[in-house]
Structure formats: C-alpha cells, structure tokens
Amino acid sequence: MIPEMDKYTYRVMWSEEDSEFVGLCTEFPGLSWLSETPEDALKGVRSLVSECIIDMKNNIEPIPSPIATH
C-alpha cells in the first residue's frame, strides 16, 4: 500500500527572492520548504506534509485528498 503522502503533487522551483530552492505541495498550499538543493527542498516539504497530516489526524481535521485520486 502506498502511503497517502506519496500520492500528493509536489514541485520544486528556484526562488530568486530567497536565493534557494523551494519545495511545494499543491494540496497543502500554505506549506513550503527552502533549501540549497532541489533534492533537500523536496525531502523537506514531504516531511512537512507528513507532520501536518499527523497533526490534522490528531486534531480530527479533514485531510486534503490527493489530486491524483480525483
């Protein structure tokens, strides 16, 4: 079984303003992760999404469904 967080839509892009790469998740637009490498930006935002899902479950909040499952 594939973990739910692996089904989300992630992207990494360069932020000229921050002079770093930024990792983003479409389903969680308020989350981002800055890093010096694109790989670390992706790892960081994936970890952040995972932590956010745990918090949402603990607080009995609705968790966004992955775009890929629509």
PDB file of N, CA and C in Angstrom:
ATOM      1  N   MET A   1       0.840  -1.189   0.000  1.00  0.00           N
ATOM      2  CA  MET A   1       0.000   0.000   0.000  1.00  0.00           C
ATOM      3  C   MET A   1       0.883   1.251   0.000  1.00  0.00           C
ATOM      4  N   ILE A   2       0.538   2.192  -0.840  1.00  0.00           N
ATOM      5  CA  ILE A   2       1.305   3.439  -0.969  1.00  0.00           C
ATOM      6  C   ILE A   2       0.840   4.425   0.101  1.00  0.00           C
ATOM      7  N   PRO A   3       1.779   4.982   0.872  1.00  0.00           N
ATOM      8  CA  PRO A   3       1.392   5.986   1.877  1.00  0.00           C
ATOM      9  C   PRO A   3       0.685   7.178   1.221  1.00  0.00           C
ATOM     10  N   GLU A   4      -0.311   7.702   1.906  1.00  0.00           N
ATOM     11  CA  GLU A   4      -1.109   8.808   1.370  1.00  0.00           C
ATOM     12  C   GLU A   4      -0.236   9.988   0.945  1.00  0.00           C
ATOM     13  N   MET A   5       0.778  10.318   1.741  1.00  0.00           N
ATOM     14  CA  MET A   5       1.605  11.483   1.405  1.00  0.00           C
ATOM     15  C   MET A   5       2.374  11.308   0.099  1.00  0.00           C
ATOM     16  N   ASP A   6       2.571  10.061  -0.340  1.00  0.00           N
ATOM     17  CA  ASP A   6       3.269   9.817  -1.609  1.00  0.00           C
ATOM     18  C   ASP A   6       2.379  10.086  -2.813  1.00  0.00           C
ATOM     19  N   LYS A   7       1.092  10.238  -2.586  1.00  0.00           N
ATOM     20  CA  LYS A   7       0.150  10.483  -3.680  1.00  0.00           C
ATOM     21  C   LYS A   7      -0.059  11.968  -3.974  1.00  0.00           C
ATOM     22  N   TYR A   8       0.481  12.816  -3.127  1.00  0.00           N
ATOM     23  CA  TYR A   8       0.304  14.251  -3.321  1.00  0.00           C
ATOM     24  C   TYR A   8       1.179  14.787  -4.454  1.00  0.00           C
ATOM     25  N   THR A   9       0.855  15.992  -4.897  1.00  0.00           N
ATOM     26  CA  THR A   9       1.553  16.634  -6.009  1.00  0.00           C
ATOM     27  C   THR A   9       2.605  17.596  -5.457  1.00  0.00           C
ATOM     28  N   TYR A  10       3.860  17.272  -5.725  1.00  0.00           N
ATOM     29  CA  TYR A  10       4.969  18.095  -5.240  1.00  0.00           C
ATOM     30  C   TYR A  10       5.677  18.767  -6.408  1.00  0.00           C
ATOM     31  N   ARG A  11       6.286  19.908  -6.119  1.00  0.00           N
ATOM     32  CA  ARG A  11       7.146  20.547  -7.128  1.00  0.00           C
ATOM     33  C   ARG A  11       8.240  21.313  -6.406  1.00  0.00           C
ATOM     34  N   VAL A  12       9.329  21.477  -7.121  1.00  0.00           N
ATOM     35  CA  VAL A  12      10.472  22.228  -6.598  1.00  0.00           C
ATOM     36  C   VAL A  12      10.843  23.268  -7.638  1.00  0.00           C
ATOM     37  N   MET A  13      11.080  24.477  -7.179  1.00  0.00           N
ATOM     38  CA  MET A  13      11.484  25.533  -8.106  1.00  0.00           C
ATOM     39  C   MET A  13      12.462  26.474  -7.409  1.00  0.00           C
ATOM     40  N   TRP A  14      13.146  27.215  -8.210  1.00  0.00           N
ATOM     41  CA  TRP A  14      14.107  28.179  -7.696  1.00  0.00           C
ATOM     42  C   TRP A  14      13.365  29.424  -7.238  1.00  0.00           C
ATOM     43  N   SER A  15      13.724  29.953  -6.074  1.00  0.00           N
ATOM     44  CA  SER A  15      13.169  31.201  -5.578  1.00  0.00           C
ATOM     45  C   SER A  15      14.257  32.264  -5.674  1.00  0.00           C
ATOM     46  N   GLU A  16      14.098  33.152  -6.605  1.00  0.00           N
ATOM     47  CA  GLU A  16      15.065  34.238  -6.779  1.00  0.00           C
ATOM     48  C   GLU A  16      15.090  35.123  -5.534  1.00  0.00           C
ATOM     49  N   GLU A  17      13.924  35.338  -4.950  1.00  0.00           N
ATOM     50  CA  GLU A  17      13.802  36.189  -3.761  1.00  0.00           C
ATOM     51  C   GLU A  17      14.585  35.624  -2.579  1.00  0.00           C
ATOM     52  N   ASP A  18      14.548  34.295  -2.414  1.00  0.00           N
ATOM     53  CA  ASP A  18      15.220  33.652  -1.287  1.00  0.00           C
ATOM     54  C   ASP A  18      16.609  33.122  -1.639  1.00  0.00           C
ATOM     55  N   SER A  19      16.931  33.097  -2.920  1.00  0.00           N
ATOM     56  CA  SER A  19      18.191  32.533  -3.413  1.00  0.00           C
ATOM     57  C   SER A  19      18.365  31.082  -2.961  1.00  0.00           C
ATOM     58  N   GLU A  20      17.241  30.352  -2.941  1.00  0.00           N
ATOM     59  CA  GLU A  20      17.238  28.940  -2.596  1.00  0.00           C
ATOM     60  C   GLU A  20      16.134  28.240  -3.394  1.00  0.00           C
ATOM     61  N   PHE A  21      16.160  26.918  -3.355  1.00  0.00           N
ATOM     62  CA  PHE A  21      15.081  26.142  -3.946  1.00  0.00           C
ATOM     63  C   PHE A  21      13.942  26.055  -2.945  1.00  0.00           C
ATOM     64  N   VAL A  22      12.714  26.060  -3.464  1.00  0.00           N
ATOM     65  CA  VAL A  22      11.545  25.953  -2.599  1.00  0.00           C
ATOM     66  C   VAL A  22      10.743  24.722  -3.011  1.00  0.00           C
ATOM     67  N   GLY A  23      10.415  23.889  -2.016  1.00  0.00           N
ATOM     68  CA  GLY A  23       9.581  22.722  -2.238  1.00  0.00           C
ATOM     69  C   GLY A  23       8.148  23.071  -1.867  1.00  0.00           C
ATOM     70  N   LEU A  24       7.215  22.668  -2.723  1.00  0.00           N
ATOM     71  CA  LEU A  24       5.807  22.993  -2.533  1.00  0.00           C
ATOM     72  C   LEU A  24       4.944  21.748  -2.703  1.00  0.00           C
ATOM     73  N   CYS A  25       3.755  21.770  -2.126  1.00  0.00           N
ATOM     74  CA  CYS A  25       2.777  20.696  -2.290  1.00  0.00           C
ATOM     75  C   CYS A  25       1.452  21.345  -2.678  1.00  0.00           C
ATOM     76  N   THR A  26       0.925  20.973  -3.837  1.00  0.00           N
ATOM     77  CA  THR A  26      -0.288  21.593  -4.362  1.00  0.00           C
ATOM     78  C   THR A  26      -1.465  21.457  -3.405  1.00  0.00           C
ATOM     79  N   GLU A  27      -1.614  20.295  -2.788  1.00  0.00           N
ATOM     80  CA  GLU A  27      -2.749  20.047  -1.910  1.00  0.00           C
ATOM     81  C   GLU A  27      -2.639  20.764  -0.562  1.00  0.00           C
ATOM     82  N   PHE A  28      -1.442  21.227  -0.228  1.00  0.00           N
ATOM     83  CA  PHE A  28      -1.204  21.982   1.011  1.00  0.00           C
ATOM     84  C   PHE A  28      -0.550  23.313   0.635  1.00  0.00           C
ATOM     85  N   PRO A  29      -1.325  24.257   0.074  1.00  0.00           N
ATOM     86  CA  PRO A  29      -0.732  25.494  -0.462  1.00  0.00           C
ATOM     87  C   PRO A  29      -0.043  26.380   0.574  1.00  0.00           C
ATOM     88  N   GLY A  30      -0.331  26.194   1.851  1.00  0.00           N
ATOM     89  CA  GLY A  30       0.300  27.013   2.879  1.00  0.00           C
ATOM     90  C   GLY A  30       1.656  26.507   3.327  1.00  0.00           C
ATOM     91  N   LEU A  31       2.081  25.359   2.813  1.00  0.00           N
ATOM     92  CA  LEU A  31       3.350  24.761   3.230  1.00  0.00           C
ATOM     93  C   LEU A  31       4.425  24.961   2.175  1.00  0.00           C
ATOM     94  N   SER A  32       5.648  25.198   2.629  1.00  0.00           N
ATOM     95  CA  SER A  32       6.800  25.276   1.718  1.00  0.00           C
ATOM     96  C   SER A  32       8.059  24.964   2.509  1.00  0.00           C
ATOM     97  N   TRP A  33       9.121  24.628   1.773  1.00  0.00           N
ATOM     98  CA  TRP A  33      10.395  24.307   2.410  1.00  0.00           C
ATOM     99  C   TRP A  33      11.524  24.863   1.554  1.00  0.00           C
ATOM    100  N   LEU A  34      12.390  25.659   2.153  1.00  0.00           N
ATOM    101  CA  LEU A  34      13.532  26.230   1.445  1.00  0.00           C
ATOM    102  C   LEU A  34      14.791  25.422   1.721  1.00  0.00           C
ATOM    103  N   SER A  35      15.615  25.267   0.683  1.00  0.00           N
ATOM    104  CA  SER A  35      16.875  24.548   0.847  1.00  0.00           C
ATOM    105  C   SER A  35      17.847  24.940  -0.267  1.00  0.00           C
ATOM    106  N   GLU A  36      19.105  24.623  -0.046  1.00  0.00           N
ATOM    107  CA  GLU A  36      20.145  24.953  -1.020  1.00  0.00           C
ATOM    108  C   GLU A  36      20.116  24.025  -2.232  1.00  0.00           C
ATOM    109  N   THR A  37      19.524  22.830  -2.104  1.00  0.00           N
ATOM    110  CA  THR A  37      19.458  21.896  -3.225  1.00  0.00           C
ATOM    111  C   THR A  37      18.013  21.512  -3.504  1.00  0.00           C
ATOM    112  N   PRO A  38      17.688  21.198  -4.752  1.00  0.00           N
ATOM    113  CA  PRO A  38      16.318  20.788  -5.055  1.00  0.00           C
ATOM    114  C   PRO A  38      15.931  19.489  -4.343  1.00  0.00           C
ATOM    115  N   GLU A  39      16.881  18.595  -4.194  1.00  0.00           N
ATOM    116  CA  GLU A  39      16.605  17.319  -3.522  1.00  0.00           C
ATOM    117  C   GLU A  39      16.199  17.536  -2.060  1.00  0.00           C
ATOM    118  N   ASP A  40      16.933  18.420  -1.374  1.00  0.00           N
ATOM    119  CA  ASP A  40      16.623  18.696   0.026  1.00  0.00           C
ATOM    120  C   ASP A  40      15.320  19.482   0.176  1.00  0.00           C
ATOM    121  N   ALA A  41      15.006  20.324  -0.795  1.00  0.00           N
ATOM    122  CA  ALA A  41      13.729  21.051  -0.762  1.00  0.00           C
ATOM    123  C   ALA A  41      12.567  20.066  -0.881  1.00  0.00           C
ATOM    124  N   LEU A  42      12.707  19.070  -1.738  1.00  0.00           N
ATOM    125  CA  LEU A  42      11.658  18.058  -1.889  1.00  0.00           C
ATOM    126  C   LEU A  42      11.537  17.209  -0.627  1.00  0.00           C
ATOM    127  N   LYS A  43      12.658  16.762  -0.094  1.00  0.00           N
ATOM    128  CA  LYS A  43      12.630  15.980   1.148  1.00  0.00           C
ATOM    129  C   LYS A  43      11.988  16.778   2.282  1.00  0.00           C
ATOM    130  N   GLY A  44      12.333  18.042   2.359  1.00  0.00           N
ATOM    131  CA  GLY A  44      11.815  18.892   3.424  1.00  0.00           C
ATOM    132  C   GLY A  44      10.315  19.093   3.352  1.00  0.00           C
ATOM    133  N   VAL A  45       9.801  19.388   2.172  1.00  0.00           N
ATOM    134  CA  VAL A  45       8.357  19.621   2.053  1.00  0.00           C
ATOM    135  C   VAL A  45       7.589  18.318   2.248  1.00  0.00           C
ATOM    136  N   ARG A  46       8.139  17.191   1.803  1.00  0.00           N
ATOM    137  CA  ARG A  46       7.478  15.893   2.029  1.00  0.00           C
ATOM    138  C   ARG A  46       7.401  15.599   3.533  1.00  0.00           C
ATOM    139  N   SER A  47       8.450  15.872   4.249  1.00  0.00           N
ATOM    140  CA  SER A  47       8.464  15.669   5.698  1.00  0.00           C
ATOM    141  C   SER A  47       7.458  16.591   6.383  1.00  0.00           C
ATOM    142  N   LEU A  48       7.396  17.823   5.931  1.00  0.00           N
ATOM    143  CA  LEU A  48       6.461  18.791   6.485  1.00  0.00           C
ATOM    144  C   LEU A  48       5.015  18.357   6.249  1.00  0.00           C
ATOM    145  N   VAL A  49       4.717  17.856   5.059  1.00  0.00           N
ATOM    146  CA  VAL A  49       3.373  17.352   4.759  1.00  0.00           C
ATOM    147  C   VAL A  49       3.041  16.188   5.677  1.00  0.00           C
ATOM    148  N   SER A  50       3.990  15.287   5.861  1.00  0.00           N
ATOM    149  CA  SER A  50       3.777  14.137   6.742  1.00  0.00           C
ATOM    150  C   SER A  50       3.451  14.594   8.162  1.00  0.00           C
ATOM    151  N   GLU A  51       4.190  15.549   8.677  1.00  0.00           N
ATOM    152  CA  GLU A  51       3.944  16.073  10.023  1.00  0.00           C
ATOM    153  C   GLU A  51       2.575  16.755  10.100  1.00  0.00           C
ATOM    154  N   CYS A  52       2.226  17.472   9.055  1.00  0.00           N
ATOM    155  CA  CYS A  52       0.945  18.174   9.013  1.00  0.00           C
ATOM    156  C   CYS A  52      -0.217  17.171   9.029  1.00  0.00           C
ATOM    157  N   ILE A  53      -0.086  16.080   8.275  1.00  0.00           N
ATOM    158  CA  ILE A  53      -1.129  15.046   8.247  1.00  0.00           C
ATOM    159  C   ILE A  53      -1.302  14.435   9.633  1.00  0.00           C
ATOM    160  N   ILE A  54      -0.209  14.155  10.312  1.00  0.00           N
ATOM    161  CA  ILE A  54      -0.278  13.604  11.668  1.00  0.00           C
ATOM    162  C   ILE A  54      -1.018  14.570  12.592  1.00  0.00           C
ATOM    163  N   ASP A  55      -0.673  15.855  12.531  1.00  0.00           N
ATOM    164  CA  ASP A  55      -1.339  16.860  13.363  1.00  0.00           C
ATOM    165  C   ASP A  55      -2.828  16.954  13.042  1.00  0.00           C
ATOM    166  N   MET A  56      -3.159  16.910  11.759  1.00  0.00           N
ATOM    167  CA  MET A  56      -4.564  17.006  11.351  1.00  0.00           C
ATOM    168  C   MET A  56      -5.351  15.796  11.846  1.00  0.00           C
ATOM    169  N   LYS A  57      -4.747  14.615  11.776  1.00  0.00           N
ATOM    170  CA  LYS A  57      -5.411  13.413  12.283  1.00  0.00           C
ATOM    171  C   LYS A  57      -5.622  13.517  13.784  1.00  0.00           C
ATOM    172  N   ASN A  58      -4.610  13.971  14.510  1.00  0.00           N
ATOM    173  CA  ASN A  58      -4.704  14.120  15.965  1.00  0.00           C
ATOM    174  C   ASN A  58      -5.768  15.130  16.378  1.00  0.00           C
ATOM    175  N   ASN A  59      -5.988  16.137  15.536  1.00  0.00           N
ATOM    176  CA  ASN A  59      -6.977  17.179  15.827  1.00  0.00           C
ATOM    177  C   ASN A  59      -8.317  16.924  15.135  1.00  0.00           C
ATOM    178  N   ILE A  60      -8.436  15.744  14.551  1.00  0.00           N
ATOM    179  CA  ILE A  60      -9.654  15.337  13.841  1.00  0.00           C
ATOM    180  C   ILE A  60     -10.086  16.403  12.824  1.00  0.00           C
ATOM    181  N   GLU A  61      -9.144  16.830  12.011  1.00  0.00           N
ATOM    182  CA  GLU A  61      -9.388  17.801  10.938  1.00  0.00           C
ATOM    183  C   GLU A  61      -9.442  17.054   9.609  1.00  0.00           C
ATOM    184  N   PRO A  62     -10.191  17.576   8.657  1.00  0.00           N
ATOM    185  CA  PRO A  62     -10.218  16.925   7.336  1.00  0.00           C
ATOM    186  C   PRO A  62      -8.871  17.052   6.636  1.00  0.00           C
ATOM    187  N   ILE A  63      -8.436  15.974   6.037  1.00  0.00           N
ATOM    188  CA  ILE A  63      -7.144  15.939   5.334  1.00  0.00           C
ATOM    189  C   ILE A  63      -7.417  16.044   3.839  1.00  0.00           C
ATOM    190  N   PRO A  64      -6.723  16.952   3.142  1.00  0.00           N
ATOM    191  CA  PRO A  64      -6.947  17.082   1.699  1.00  0.00           C
ATOM    192  C   PRO A  64      -6.699  15.766   0.969  1.00  0.00           C
ATOM    193  N   SER A  65      -7.565  15.480   0.011  1.00  0.00           N
ATOM    194  CA  SER A  65      -7.342  14.283  -0.790  1.00  0.00           C
ATOM    195  C   SER A  65      -6.379  14.614  -1.922  1.00  0.00           C
ATOM    196  N   PRO A  66      -5.542  13.667  -2.318  1.00  0.00           N
ATOM    197  CA  PRO A  66      -4.597  13.901  -3.402  1.00  0.00           C
ATOM    198  C   PRO A  66      -5.313  14.176  -4.728  1.00  0.00           C
ATOM    199  N   ILE A  67      -4.814  15.119  -5.486  1.00  0.00           N
ATOM    200  CA  ILE A  67      -5.385  15.432  -6.790  1.00  0.00           C
ATOM    201  C   ILE A  67      -5.422  14.188  -7.668  1.00  0.00           C
ATOM    202  N   ALA A  68      -4.430  13.345  -7.571  1.00  0.00           N
ATOM    203  CA  ALA A  68      -4.329  12.160  -8.423  1.00  0.00           C
ATOM    204  C   ALA A  68      -5.489  11.177  -8.210  1.00  0.00           C
ATOM    205  N   THR A  69      -6.186  11.261  -7.081  1.00  0.00           N
ATOM    206  CA  THR A  69      -7.276  10.333  -6.808  1.00  0.00           C
ATOM    207  C   THR A  69      -8.631  10.865  -7.245  1.00  0.00           C
ATOM    208  N   HIS A  70      -8.677  12.060  -7.826  1.00  0.00           N
ATOM    209  CA  HIS A  70      -9.954  12.645  -8.266  1.00  0.00           C
ATOM    210  C   HIS A  70     -10.328  12.124  -9.628  1.00  0.00           C
TER     211      HIS A  70
END
